Amino acid sequence: MVTIDELNLASVTVNGEEVTVTDGKFTLKPDDGKQTIIAADKAGNTGTVTVTVNEKMADKSDTGDTGMMLGMVLLLVACGALAVMTYSRKKKQEE
């Protein structure tokens, strides 16, 4: 589960495909290789994060073996996206 903390969220895409975000959260499914998450706010600012979630991680998280580690990784992803969006918004306001 990925959480995006943005009050003015307009869209989220994973590898170019828009995903449905409910209450600021969506599920990132396992895939081969890296996945690029792009979050955009209503002002047009975007934040981009690239992560890897493979089948082995997903299989273990179902049993609770890597639940804490996966949760920490996803938390870092969300924080990174928020930081990029905040920086972009501040930079745009300074212009």
PDB file of N, CA and C in Angstrom:
ATOM      1  N   MET A   1       0.849  -1.173   0.000  1.00  0.00           N
ATOM      2  CA  MET A   1       0.000   0.000   0.000  1.00  0.00           C
ATOM      3  C   MET A   1       0.892   1.232   0.000  1.00  0.00           C
ATOM      4  N   VAL A   2       0.606   2.167  -0.893  1.00  0.00           N
ATOM      5  CA  VAL A   2       1.344   3.429  -0.982  1.00  0.00           C
ATOM      6  C   VAL A   2       0.415   4.535  -0.518  1.00  0.00           C
ATOM      7  N   THR A   3       0.936   5.439   0.304  1.00  0.00           N
ATOM      8  CA  THR A   3       0.158   6.567   0.792  1.00  0.00           C
ATOM      9  C   THR A   3       0.764   7.855   0.258  1.00  0.00           C
ATOM     10  N   ILE A   4      -0.086   8.722  -0.281  1.00  0.00           N
ATOM     11  CA  ILE A   4       0.355  10.026  -0.766  1.00  0.00           C
ATOM     12  C   ILE A   4      -0.382  11.078   0.045  1.00  0.00           C
ATOM     13  N   ASP A   5       0.392  11.929   0.708  1.00  0.00           N
ATOM     14  CA  ASP A   5      -0.177  12.956   1.577  1.00  0.00           C
ATOM     15  C   ASP A   5      -0.170  14.287   0.825  1.00  0.00           C
ATOM     16  N   GLU A   6      -1.199  14.528   0.040  1.00  0.00           N
ATOM     17  CA  GLU A   6      -1.323  15.754  -0.743  1.00  0.00           C
ATOM     18  C   GLU A   6      -2.794  16.141  -0.795  1.00  0.00           C
ATOM     19  N   LEU A   7      -3.129  17.284  -0.217  1.00  0.00           N
ATOM     20  CA  LEU A   7      -4.528  17.712  -0.170  1.00  0.00           C
ATOM     21  C   LEU A   7      -5.093  18.037  -1.549  1.00  0.00           C
ATOM     22  N   ASN A   8      -4.244  18.492  -2.456  1.00  0.00           N
ATOM     23  CA  ASN A   8      -4.695  18.902  -3.786  1.00  0.00           C
ATOM     24  C   ASN A   8      -4.259  17.929  -4.864  1.00  0.00           C
ATOM     25  N   LEU A   9      -4.277  16.648  -4.547  1.00  0.00           N
ATOM     26  CA  LEU A   9      -3.842  15.619  -5.488  1.00  0.00           C
ATOM     27  C   LEU A   9      -4.772  15.583  -6.697  1.00  0.00           C
ATOM     28  N   ALA A  10      -4.173  15.619  -7.888  1.00  0.00           N
ATOM     29  CA  ALA A  10      -4.958  15.569  -9.125  1.00  0.00           C
ATOM     30  C   ALA A  10      -4.903  14.185  -9.755  1.00  0.00           C
ATOM     31  N   SER A  11      -3.704  13.569  -9.776  1.00  0.00           N
ATOM     32  CA  SER A  11      -3.586  12.249 -10.399  1.00  0.00           C
ATOM     33  C   SER A  11      -2.325  11.545  -9.932  1.00  0.00           C
ATOM     34  N   VAL A  12      -2.347  10.223 -10.079  1.00  0.00           N
ATOM     35  CA  VAL A  12      -1.180   9.388  -9.796  1.00  0.00           C
ATOM     36  C   VAL A  12      -1.075   8.375 -10.927  1.00  0.00           C
ATOM     37  N   THR A  13       0.125   8.232 -11.472  1.00  0.00           N
ATOM     38  CA  THR A  13       0.350   7.212 -12.498  1.00  0.00           C
ATOM     39  C   THR A  13       1.476   6.289 -12.052  1.00  0.00           C
ATOM     40  N   VAL A  14       1.377   5.036 -12.474  1.00  0.00           N
ATOM     41  CA  VAL A  14       2.438   4.058 -12.246  1.00  0.00           C
ATOM     42  C   VAL A  14       2.814   3.535 -13.630  1.00  0.00           C
ATOM     43  N   ASN A  15       4.062   3.778 -14.018  1.00  0.00           N
ATOM     44  CA  ASN A  15       4.548   3.401 -15.347  1.00  0.00           C
ATOM     45  C   ASN A  15       3.634   3.931 -16.448  1.00  0.00           C
ATOM     46  N   GLY A  16       3.163   5.167 -16.281  1.00  0.00           N
ATOM     47  CA  GLY A  16       2.363   5.824 -17.304  1.00  0.00           C
ATOM     48  C   GLY A  16       0.875   5.521 -17.271  1.00  0.00           C
ATOM     49  N   GLU A  17       0.433   4.616 -16.403  1.00  0.00           N
ATOM     50  CA  GLU A  17      -0.980   4.277 -16.310  1.00  0.00           C
ATOM     51  C   GLU A  17      -1.568   4.875 -15.039  1.00  0.00           C
ATOM     52  N   GLU A  18      -2.678   5.606 -15.187  1.00  0.00           N
ATOM     53  CA  GLU A  18      -3.310   6.232 -14.031  1.00  0.00           C
ATOM     54  C   GLU A  18      -3.881   5.172 -13.091  1.00  0.00           C
ATOM     55  N   VAL A  19      -3.694   5.402 -11.796  1.00  0.00           N
ATOM     56  CA  VAL A  19      -4.223   4.491 -10.779  1.00  0.00           C
ATOM     57  C   VAL A  19      -5.273   5.219  -9.961  1.00  0.00           C
ATOM     58  N   THR A  20      -6.163   4.444  -9.364  1.00  0.00           N
ATOM     59  CA  THR A  20      -7.199   5.007  -8.510  1.00  0.00           C
ATOM     60  C   THR A  20      -6.655   5.158  -7.094  1.00  0.00           C
ATOM     61  N   VAL A  21      -6.769   6.358  -6.557  1.00  0.00           N
ATOM     62  CA  VAL A  21      -6.302   6.650  -5.205  1.00  0.00           C
ATOM     63  C   VAL A  21      -7.527   6.881  -4.331  1.00  0.00           C
ATOM     64  N   THR A  22      -7.620   6.130  -3.242  1.00  0.00           N
ATOM     65  CA  THR A  22      -8.736   6.256  -2.312  1.00  0.00           C
ATOM     66  C   THR A  22      -8.189   6.656  -0.948  1.00  0.00           C
ATOM     67  N   ASP A  23      -8.667   7.780  -0.445  1.00  0.00           N
ATOM     68  CA  ASP A  23      -8.186   8.308   0.839  1.00  0.00           C
ATOM     69  C   ASP A  23      -6.668   8.449   0.846  1.00  0.00           C
ATOM     70  N   GLY A  24      -6.093   8.844  -0.277  1.00  0.00           N
ATOM     71  CA  GLY A  24      -4.652   9.056  -0.375  1.00  0.00           C
ATOM     72  C   GLY A  24      -3.830   7.791  -0.472  1.00  0.00           C
ATOM     73  N   LYS A  25      -4.472   6.631  -0.737  1.00  0.00           N
ATOM     74  CA  LYS A  25      -3.750   5.355  -0.761  1.00  0.00           C
ATOM     75  C   LYS A  25      -4.083   4.562  -2.016  1.00  0.00           C
ATOM     76  N   PHE A  26      -3.104   3.771  -2.449  1.00  0.00           N
ATOM     77  CA  PHE A  26      -3.322   2.806  -3.523  1.00  0.00           C
ATOM     78  C   PHE A  26      -2.349   1.651  -3.347  1.00  0.00           C
ATOM     79  N   THR A  27      -2.653   0.529  -3.980  1.00  0.00           N
ATOM     80  CA  THR A  27      -1.811  -0.654  -3.870  1.00  0.00           C
ATOM     81  C   THR A  27      -0.886  -0.736  -5.075  1.00  0.00           C
ATOM     82  N   LEU A  28       0.392  -0.925  -4.800  1.00  0.00           N
ATOM     83  CA  LEU A  28       1.388  -1.088  -5.852  1.00  0.00           C
ATOM     84  C   LEU A  28       1.617  -2.576  -6.049  1.00  0.00           C
ATOM     85  N   LYS A  29       1.263  -3.082  -7.207  1.00  0.00           N
ATOM     86  CA  LYS A  29       1.373  -4.508  -7.483  1.00  0.00           C
ATOM     87  C   LYS A  29       2.799  -4.865  -7.874  1.00  0.00           C
ATOM     88  N   PRO A  30       3.210  -6.107  -7.622  1.00  0.00           N
ATOM     89  CA  PRO A  30       4.555  -6.548  -8.017  1.00  0.00           C
ATOM     90  C   PRO A  30       4.709  -6.497  -9.533  1.00  0.00           C
ATOM     91  N   ASP A  31       5.921  -6.202  -9.973  1.00  0.00           N
ATOM     92  CA  ASP A  31       6.213  -6.136 -11.394  1.00  0.00           C
ATOM     93  C   ASP A  31       7.699  -6.410 -11.566  1.00  0.00           C
ATOM     94  N   ASP A  32       8.078  -6.872 -12.748  1.00  0.00           N
ATOM     95  CA  ASP A  32       9.493  -7.075 -13.035  1.00  0.00           C
ATOM     96  C   ASP A  32      10.145  -5.716 -13.249  1.00  0.00           C
ATOM     97  N   GLY A  33      11.265  -5.495 -12.606  1.00  0.00           N
ATOM     98  CA  GLY A  33      11.994  -4.244 -12.782  1.00  0.00           C
ATOM     99  C   GLY A  33      11.415  -3.109 -11.966  1.00  0.00           C
ATOM    100  N   LYS A  34      11.846  -1.916 -12.331  1.00  0.00           N
ATOM    101  CA  LYS A  34      11.464  -0.723 -11.584  1.00  0.00           C
ATOM    102  C   LYS A  34      10.099  -0.208 -12.022  1.00  0.00           C
ATOM    103  N   GLN A  35       9.420   0.444 -11.072  1.00  0.00           N
ATOM    104  CA  GLN A  35       8.136   1.081 -11.339  1.00  0.00           C
ATOM    105  C   GLN A  35       8.271   2.568 -11.005  1.00  0.00           C
ATOM    106  N   THR A  36       7.790   3.400 -11.895  1.00  0.00           N
ATOM    107  CA  THR A  36       7.874   4.839 -11.687  1.00  0.00           C
ATOM    108  C   THR A  36       6.502   5.372 -11.300  1.00  0.00           C
ATOM    109  N   ILE A  37       6.450   5.992 -10.124  1.00  0.00           N
ATOM    110  CA  ILE A  37       5.214   6.585  -9.612  1.00  0.00           C
ATOM    111  C   ILE A  37       5.324   8.095  -9.785  1.00  0.00           C
ATOM    112  N   ILE A  38       4.321   8.693 -10.431  1.00  0.00           N
ATOM    113  CA  ILE A  38       4.287  10.136 -10.603  1.00  0.00           C
ATOM    114  C   ILE A  38       2.982  10.651  -9.997  1.00  0.00           C
ATOM    115  N   ALA A  39       3.117  11.548  -9.023  1.00  0.00           N
ATOM    116  CA  ALA A  39       1.961  12.178  -8.394  1.00  0.00           C
ATOM    117  C   ALA A  39       1.919  13.632  -8.846  1.00  0.00           C
ATOM    118  N   ALA A  40       0.737  14.099  -9.263  1.00  0.00           N
ATOM    119  CA  ALA A  40       0.570  15.482  -9.710  1.00  0.00           C
ATOM    120  C   ALA A  40      -0.500  16.154  -8.868  1.00  0.00           C
ATOM    121  N   ASP A  41      -0.247  17.423  -8.521  1.00  0.00           N
ATOM    122  CA  ASP A  41      -1.272  18.167  -7.804  1.00  0.00           C
ATOM    123  C   ASP A  41      -2.049  19.044  -8.781  1.00  0.00           C
ATOM    124  N   LYS A  42      -3.067  19.727  -8.285  1.00  0.00           N
ATOM    125  CA  LYS A  42      -3.949  20.517  -9.135  1.00  0.00           C
ATOM    126  C   LYS A  42      -3.256  21.728  -9.744  1.00  0.00           C
ATOM    127  N   ALA A  43      -2.133  22.154  -9.171  1.00  0.00           N
ATOM    128  CA  ALA A  43      -1.377  23.285  -9.716  1.00  0.00           C
ATOM    129  C   ALA A  43      -0.421  22.849 -10.822  1.00  0.00           C
ATOM    130  N   GLY A  44      -0.316  21.538 -11.058  1.00  0.00           N
ATOM    131  CA  GLY A  44       0.562  21.036 -12.104  1.00  0.00           C
ATOM    132  C   GLY A  44       1.939  20.603 -11.616  1.00  0.00           C
ATOM    133  N   ASN A  45       2.200  20.710 -10.318  1.00  0.00           N
ATOM    134  CA  ASN A  45       3.474  20.236  -9.761  1.00  0.00           C
ATOM    135  C   ASN A  45       3.454  18.716  -9.729  1.00  0.00           C
ATOM    136  N   THR A  46       4.606  18.114  -9.964  1.00  0.00           N
ATOM    137  CA  THR A  46       4.686  16.662  -9.936  1.00  0.00           C
ATOM    138  C   THR A  46       5.832  16.200  -9.046  1.00  0.00           C
ATOM    139  N   GLY A  47       5.675  15.004  -8.525  1.00  0.00           N
ATOM    140  CA  GLY A  47       6.720  14.328  -7.764  1.00  0.00           C
ATOM    141  C   GLY A  47       6.883  12.942  -8.347  1.00  0.00           C
ATOM    142  N   THR A  48       8.120  12.520  -8.549  1.00  0.00           N
ATOM    143  CA  THR A  48       8.395  11.226  -9.168  1.00  0.00           C
ATOM    144  C   THR A  48       9.268  10.386  -8.256  1.00  0.00           C
ATOM    145  N   VAL A  49       8.888   9.120  -8.106  1.00  0.00           N
ATOM    146  CA  VAL A  49       9.660   8.168  -7.313  1.00  0.00           C
ATOM    147  C   VAL A  49       9.704   6.862  -8.090  1.00  0.00           C
ATOM    148  N   THR A  50      10.887   6.227  -8.112  1.00  0.00           N
ATOM    149  CA  THR A  50      11.035   4.929  -8.769  1.00  0.00           C
ATOM    150  C   THR A  50      11.342   3.881  -7.716  1.00  0.00           C
ATOM    151  N   VAL A  51      10.570   2.786  -7.738  1.00  0.00           N
ATOM    152  CA  VAL A  51      10.723   1.716  -6.758  1.00  0.00           C
ATOM    153  C   VAL A  51      10.720   0.362  -7.451  1.00  0.00           C
ATOM    154  N   THR A  52      11.129  -0.661  -6.721  1.00  0.00           N
ATOM    155  CA  THR A  52      11.059  -2.031  -7.210  1.00  0.00           C
ATOM    156  C   THR A  52      10.275  -2.857  -6.197  1.00  0.00           C
ATOM    157  N   VAL A  53       9.198  -3.484  -6.647  1.00  0.00           N
ATOM    158  CA  VAL A  53       8.437  -4.423  -5.834  1.00  0.00           C
ATOM    159  C   VAL A  53       8.325  -5.688  -6.670  1.00  0.00           C
ATOM    160  N   ASN A  54       9.062  -6.714  -6.280  1.00  0.00           N
ATOM    161  CA  ASN A  54       9.035  -7.938  -7.079  1.00  0.00           C
ATOM    162  C   ASN A  54       8.165  -9.008  -6.419  1.00  0.00           C
ATOM    163  N   GLU A  55       7.972 -10.108  -7.107  1.00  0.00           N
ATOM    164  CA  GLU A  55       7.094 -11.183  -6.621  1.00  0.00           C
ATOM    165  C   GLU A  55       7.549 -11.730  -5.273  1.00  0.00           C
ATOM    166  N   LYS A  56       8.858 -11.871  -5.055  1.00  0.00           N
ATOM    167  CA  LYS A  56       9.340 -12.424  -3.788  1.00  0.00           C
ATOM    168  C   LYS A  56       8.937 -11.542  -2.614  1.00  0.00           C
ATOM    169  N   MET A  57       9.033 -10.216  -2.793  1.00  0.00           N
ATOM    170  CA  MET A  57       8.629  -9.306  -1.718  1.00  0.00           C
ATOM    171  C   MET A  57       7.138  -9.435  -1.450  1.00  0.00           C
ATOM    172  N   ALA A  58       6.349  -9.513  -2.508  1.00  0.00           N
ATOM    173  CA  ALA A  58       4.897  -9.602  -2.352  1.00  0.00           C
ATOM    174  C   ALA A  58       4.496 -10.916  -1.687  1.00  0.00           C
ATOM    175  N   ASP A  59       5.150 -12.029  -2.088  1.00  0.00           N
ATOM    176  CA  ASP A  59       4.816 -13.320  -1.498  1.00  0.00           C
ATOM    177  C   ASP A  59       5.117 -13.342  -0.007  1.00  0.00           C
ATOM    178  N   LYS A  60       6.241 -12.801   0.403  1.00  0.00           N
ATOM    179  CA  LYS A  60       6.608 -12.809   1.814  1.00  0.00           C
ATOM    180  C   LYS A  60       5.744 -11.859   2.625  1.00  0.00           C
ATOM    181  N   SER A  61       5.344 -10.733   2.020  1.00  0.00           N
ATOM    182  CA  SER A  61       4.534  -9.789   2.787  1.00  0.00           C
ATOM    183  C   SER A  61       3.165 -10.375   3.103  1.00  0.00           C
ATOM    184  N   ASP A  62       2.691 -11.304   2.278  1.00  0.00           N
ATOM    185  CA  ASP A  62       1.410 -11.939   2.552  1.00  0.00           C
ATOM    186  C   ASP A  62       1.475 -12.806   3.811  1.00  0.00           C
ATOM    187  N   THR A  63       2.655 -13.332   4.120  1.00  0.00           N
ATOM    188  CA  THR A  63       2.804 -14.167   5.302  1.00  0.00           C
ATOM    189  C   THR A  63       3.299 -13.367   6.504  1.00  0.00           C
ATOM    190  N   GLY A  64       3.604 -12.095   6.272  1.00  0.00           N
ATOM    191  CA  GLY A  64       4.094 -11.246   7.352  1.00  0.00           C
ATOM    192  C   GLY A  64       5.597 -11.278   7.505  1.00  0.00           C
ATOM    193  N   ASP A  65       6.323 -12.041   6.654  1.00  0.00           N
ATOM    194  CA  ASP A  65       7.765 -12.151   6.797  1.00  0.00           C
ATOM    195  C   ASP A  65       8.490 -10.830   6.534  1.00  0.00           C
ATOM    196  N   THR A  66       8.020 -10.057   5.572  1.00  0.00           N
ATOM    197  CA  THR A  66       8.694  -8.798   5.243  1.00  0.00           C
ATOM    198  C   THR A  66       7.759  -7.610   5.382  1.00  0.00           C
ATOM    199  N   GLY A  67       6.681  -7.773   6.102  1.00  0.00           N
ATOM    200  CA  GLY A  67       5.703  -6.696   6.224  1.00  0.00           C
ATOM    201  C   GLY A  67       6.294  -5.404   6.736  1.00  0.00           C
ATOM    202  N   MET A  68       7.152  -5.467   7.738  1.00  0.00           N
ATOM    203  CA  MET A  68       7.739  -4.260   8.299  1.00  0.00           C
ATOM    204  C   MET A  68       8.675  -3.601   7.300  1.00  0.00           C
ATOM    205  N   MET A  69       9.505  -4.391   6.637  1.00  0.00           N
ATOM    206  CA  MET A  69      10.444  -3.839   5.666  1.00  0.00           C
ATOM    207  C   MET A  69       9.700  -3.217   4.486  1.00  0.00           C
ATOM    208  N   LEU A  70       8.698  -3.901   3.963  1.00  0.00           N
ATOM    209  CA  LEU A  70       7.915  -3.379   2.853  1.00  0.00           C
ATOM    210  C   LEU A  70       7.210  -2.095   3.265  1.00  0.00           C
ATOM    211  N   GLY A  71       6.666  -2.074   4.460  1.00  0.00           N
ATOM    212  CA  GLY A  71       6.007  -0.872   4.966  1.00  0.00           C
ATOM    213  C   GLY A  71       6.965   0.307   5.052  1.00  0.00           C
ATOM    214  N   MET A  72       8.193   0.059   5.498  1.00  0.00           N
ATOM    215  CA  MET A  72       9.187   1.121   5.593  1.00  0.00           C
ATOM    216  C   MET A  72       9.561   1.645   4.214  1.00  0.00           C
ATOM    217  N   VAL A  73       9.737   0.741   3.253  1.00  0.00           N
ATOM    218  CA  VAL A  73      10.074   1.147   1.888  1.00  0.00           C
ATOM    219  C   VAL A  73       8.959   2.008   1.310  1.00  0.00           C
ATOM    220  N   LEU A  74       7.729   1.589   1.476  1.00  0.00           N
ATOM    221  CA  LEU A  74       6.605   2.346   0.939  1.00  0.00           C
ATOM    222  C   LEU A  74       6.449   3.692   1.647  1.00  0.00           C
ATOM    223  N   LEU A  75       6.747   3.742   2.927  1.00  0.00           N
ATOM    224  CA  LEU A  75       6.709   5.002   3.650  1.00  0.00           C
ATOM    225  C   LEU A  75       7.756   5.962   3.084  1.00  0.00           C
ATOM    226  N   LEU A  76       8.951   5.453   2.809  1.00  0.00           N
ATOM    227  CA  LEU A  76       9.994   6.286   2.213  1.00  0.00           C
ATOM    228  C   LEU A  76       9.583   6.785   0.837  1.00  0.00           C
ATOM    229  N   VAL A  77       8.918   5.938   0.057  1.00  0.00           N
ATOM    230  CA  VAL A  77       8.429   6.339  -1.264  1.00  0.00           C
ATOM    231  C   VAL A  77       7.454   7.500  -1.122  1.00  0.00           C
ATOM    232  N   ALA A  78       6.512   7.366  -0.215  1.00  0.00           N
ATOM    233  CA  ALA A  78       5.508   8.415  -0.022  1.00  0.00           C
ATOM    234  C   ALA A  78       6.157   9.707   0.455  1.00  0.00           C
ATOM    235  N   CYS A  79       7.097   9.615   1.379  1.00  0.00           N
ATOM    236  CA  CYS A  79       7.781  10.811   1.883  1.00  0.00           C
ATOM    237  C   CYS A  79       8.591  11.476   0.782  1.00  0.00           C
ATOM    238  N   GLY A  80       9.248  10.675  -0.047  1.00  0.00           N
ATOM    239  CA  GLY A  80      10.014  11.220  -1.160  1.00  0.00           C
ATOM    240  C   GLY A  80       9.128  11.953  -2.146  1.00  0.00           C
ATOM    241  N   ALA A  81       7.985  11.374  -2.472  1.00  0.00           N
ATOM    242  CA  ALA A  81       7.052  12.015  -3.408  1.00  0.00           C
ATOM    243  C   ALA A  81       6.548  13.330  -2.824  1.00  0.00           C
ATOM    244  N   LEU A  82       6.222  13.331  -1.557  1.00  0.00           N
ATOM    245  CA  LEU A  82       5.741  14.540  -0.901  1.00  0.00           C
ATOM    246  C   LEU A  82       6.826  15.617  -0.893  1.00  0.00           C
ATOM    247  N   ALA A  83       8.056  15.243  -0.602  1.00  0.00           N
ATOM    248  CA  ALA A  83       9.159  16.204  -0.570  1.00  0.00           C
ATOM    249  C   ALA A  83       9.382  16.824  -1.943  1.00  0.00           C
ATOM    250  N   VAL A  84       9.348  16.017  -2.983  1.00  0.00           N
ATOM    251  CA  VAL A  84       9.539  16.530  -4.340  1.00  0.00           C
ATOM    252  C   VAL A  84       8.408  17.475  -4.715  1.00  0.00           C
ATOM    253  N   MET A  85       7.178  17.103  -4.391  1.00  0.00           N
ATOM    254  CA  MET A  85       6.042  17.971  -4.719  1.00  0.00           C
ATOM    255  C   MET A  85       6.108  19.292  -3.950  1.00  0.00           C
ATOM    256  N   THR A  86       6.494  19.239  -2.692  1.00  0.00           N
ATOM    257  CA  THR A  86       6.599  20.450  -1.883  1.00  0.00           C
ATOM    258  C   THR A  86       7.693  21.355  -2.424  1.00  0.00           C
ATOM    259  N   TYR A  87       8.839  20.793  -2.772  1.00  0.00           N
ATOM    260  CA  TYR A  87       9.941  21.560  -3.337  1.00  0.00           C
ATOM    261  C   TYR A  87       9.528  22.201  -4.651  1.00  0.00           C
ATOM    262  N   SER A  88       8.850  21.434  -5.515  1.00  0.00           N
ATOM    263  CA  SER A  88       8.407  21.960  -6.808  1.00  0.00           C
ATOM    264  C   SER A  88       7.429  23.107  -6.618  1.00  0.00           C
ATOM    265  N   ARG A  89       6.514  22.957  -5.687  1.00  0.00           N
ATOM    266  CA  ARG A  89       5.520  24.007  -5.435  1.00  0.00           C
ATOM    267  C   ARG A  89       6.204  25.269  -4.933  1.00  0.00           C
ATOM    268  N   LYS A  90       7.144  25.157  -3.991  1.00  0.00           N
ATOM    269  CA  LYS A  90       7.846  26.328  -3.462  1.00  0.00           C
ATOM    270  C   LYS A  90       8.664  27.016  -4.547  1.00  0.00           C
ATOM    271  N   LYS A  91       9.331  26.226  -5.370  1.00  0.00           N
ATOM    272  CA  LYS A  91      10.153  26.788  -6.436  1.00  0.00           C
ATOM    273  C   LYS A  91       9.276  27.530  -7.436  1.00  0.00           C
ATOM    274  N   LYS A  92       8.114  26.967  -7.756  1.00  0.00           N
ATOM    275  CA  LYS A  92       7.202  27.607  -8.695  1.00  0.00           C
ATOM    276  C   LYS A  92       6.662  28.909  -8.123  1.00  0.00           C
ATOM    277  N   GLN A  93       6.404  28.967  -6.814  1.00  0.00           N
ATOM    278  CA  GLN A  93       5.887  30.177  -6.182  1.00  0.00           C
ATOM    279  C   GLN A  93       6.943  31.270  -6.149  1.00  0.00           C
ATOM    280  N   GLU A  94       8.219  30.894  -6.084  1.00  0.00           N
ATOM    281  CA  GLU A  94       9.294  31.883  -6.040  1.00  0.00           C
ATOM    282  C   GLU A  94       9.488  32.557  -7.396  1.00  0.00           C
ATOM    283  N   GLU A  95       9.063  31.907  -8.464  1.00  0.00           N
ATOM    284  CA  GLU A  95       9.280  32.465  -9.804  1.00  0.00           C
ATOM    285  C   GLU A  95       8.395  33.623 -10.100  1.00  0.00           C
TER     286      GLU A  95
END
